[in-house]
């Protein structure tokens, strides 16, 4: 079975969605090879659906270009990239799970969690 993936980037320092953040999705294979799957920009609400419509079970990485986002605002930031690694587990029979990986960010900190 496969999984659908979305993300949402919020700029905690401004209390607003982070618009136009470049985001890349890759798969980490057992061999250590990293295969690029898709990329895109967050919309006006800081949201983005990533990759093909559905992801197979495995290990994936989402990389957020946070440095470029803050550079565009002329704000000094510490983390130029934030990479979040996560595992897509096999789905149960008839399920098409949805994974949501949000990112809360500020110029000198970030956090993430498994959303719904």
Protein backbone atom coordinates (compact mmCIF):
# COMPACT_ATOMS: atom_id res chain seq x y z
CA UNK A 1 0.00 0.00 0.00
CA UNK A 2 1.06 3.61 -0.48
CA UNK A 3 0.91 6.89 1.45
CA UNK A 4 0.04 10.50 0.60
CA UNK A 5 2.37 13.21 2.02
CA UNK A 6 1.83 16.89 2.80
CA UNK A 7 3.75 19.56 4.69
CA UNK A 8 2.98 22.92 6.25
CA UNK A 9 5.66 25.49 7.13
CA UNK A 10 4.90 28.10 9.76
CA UNK A 11 7.18 31.03 10.57
CA UNK A 12 6.89 31.26 14.36
CA UNK A 13 8.92 34.49 14.47
CA UNK A 14 6.28 36.27 12.37
CA UNK A 15 3.26 34.25 13.45
CA UNK A 16 2.43 33.53 9.79
CA UNK A 17 2.63 30.76 7.20
CA UNK A 18 6.01 30.61 5.46
CA UNK A 19 5.24 31.36 1.81
CA UNK A 20 7.52 30.30 -1.08
CA UNK A 21 9.79 27.97 0.91
CA UNK A 22 11.57 25.59 -1.45
CA UNK A 23 11.00 21.98 -0.37
CA UNK A 24 12.57 18.80 -1.79
CA UNK A 25 11.53 15.20 -1.18
CA UNK A 26 13.95 12.28 -1.54
CA UNK A 27 13.95 8.57 -0.76
CA UNK A 28 16.79 6.93 1.14
CA UNK A 29 17.33 3.40 -0.19
CA UNK A 30 18.82 0.54 1.85
CA UNK A 31 22.01 0.85 -0.24
CA UNK A 32 22.50 4.41 1.05
CA UNK A 33 21.54 5.94 -2.29
CA UNK A 34 19.43 9.08 -2.03
CA UNK A 35 16.95 9.45 -4.90
CA UNK A 36 15.28 12.81 -5.53
CA UNK A 37 11.53 12.41 -5.96
CA UNK A 38 10.00 15.87 -6.18
CA UNK A 39 10.28 19.49 -5.16
CA UNK A 40 8.07 22.53 -4.93
CA UNK A 41 7.30 25.79 -3.16
CA UNK A 42 4.92 26.29 -0.28
CA UNK A 43 1.77 28.22 -1.19
CA UNK A 44 0.42 31.40 0.44
CA UNK A 45 -0.76 29.30 3.39
CA UNK A 46 2.66 27.62 3.77
CA UNK A 47 1.34 24.28 2.48
CA UNK A 48 2.59 21.82 -0.12
CA UNK A 49 1.63 18.31 -1.26
CA UNK A 50 4.84 16.44 -2.08
CA UNK A 51 5.93 13.82 -4.50
CA UNK A 52 3.88 11.49 -6.51
CA UNK A 53 0.33 11.15 -5.34
CA UNK A 54 1.37 8.18 -3.18
CA UNK A 55 4.60 6.98 -1.51
CA UNK A 56 5.63 3.36 -1.07
CA UNK A 57 6.85 2.17 2.34
CA UNK A 58 10.45 3.19 3.11
CA UNK A 59 12.64 5.96 4.47
CA UNK A 60 12.26 9.49 3.09
CA UNK A 61 13.75 12.94 3.65
CA UNK A 62 12.16 16.35 3.25
CA UNK A 63 14.63 19.24 2.93
CA UNK A 64 13.41 22.79 3.52
CA UNK A 65 15.49 25.72 2.15
CA UNK A 66 15.06 27.84 5.27
CA UNK A 67 18.14 30.00 4.66
CA UNK A 68 16.84 31.22 1.30
CA UNK A 69 13.44 31.91 2.87
CA UNK A 70 14.98 34.14 5.55
CA UNK A 71 17.45 35.72 3.08
CA UNK A 72 14.49 36.87 0.98
CA UNK A 73 13.21 38.69 4.07
CA UNK A 74 16.67 40.10 4.86
CA UNK A 75 16.67 38.23 8.17
CA UNK A 76 19.83 36.58 9.51
CA UNK A 77 19.30 32.87 10.16
CA UNK A 78 21.41 30.02 11.51
CA UNK A 79 20.04 26.98 9.64
CA UNK A 80 20.38 27.22 5.83
CA UNK A 81 18.61 23.86 5.37
CA UNK A 82 16.38 21.74 7.56
CA UNK A 83 16.18 18.05 6.66
CA UNK A 84 13.56 15.86 8.29
CA UNK A 85 13.91 12.09 7.88
CA UNK A 86 10.91 9.84 8.42
CA UNK A 87 9.62 6.34 7.72
CA UNK A 88 6.53 5.45 5.73
CA UNK A 89 5.16 2.21 7.18
CA UNK A 90 3.15 -0.30 5.18
CA UNK A 91 -0.55 0.54 5.17
CA UNK A 92 -3.26 -1.86 6.19
CA UNK A 93 -5.52 -3.50 3.63
CA UNK A 94 -7.62 -0.93 1.80
CA UNK A 95 -5.94 2.04 3.51
CA UNK A 96 -4.32 5.01 1.82
CA UNK A 97 -2.73 6.78 4.79
CA UNK A 98 -1.99 10.46 4.85
CA UNK A 99 1.24 11.69 6.45
CA UNK A 100 1.60 15.35 7.38
CA UNK A 101 5.08 16.62 8.32
CA UNK A 102 4.83 20.23 9.50
CA UNK A 103 7.79 22.51 10.20
CA UNK A 104 7.70 25.35 12.73
CA UNK A 105 10.60 27.65 12.12
CA UNK A 106 12.32 30.80 13.29
CA UNK A 107 15.73 32.24 12.34
CA UNK A 108 17.56 30.31 15.08
CA UNK A 109 15.34 27.30 15.84
CA UNK A 110 12.93 24.81 14.32
CA UNK A 111 10.74 21.90 15.34
CA UNK A 112 8.71 19.27 13.57
CA UNK A 113 6.26 16.54 14.47
CA UNK A 114 4.02 14.00 12.83
CA UNK A 115 0.84 15.91 12.07
CA UNK A 116 -2.56 14.71 11.02
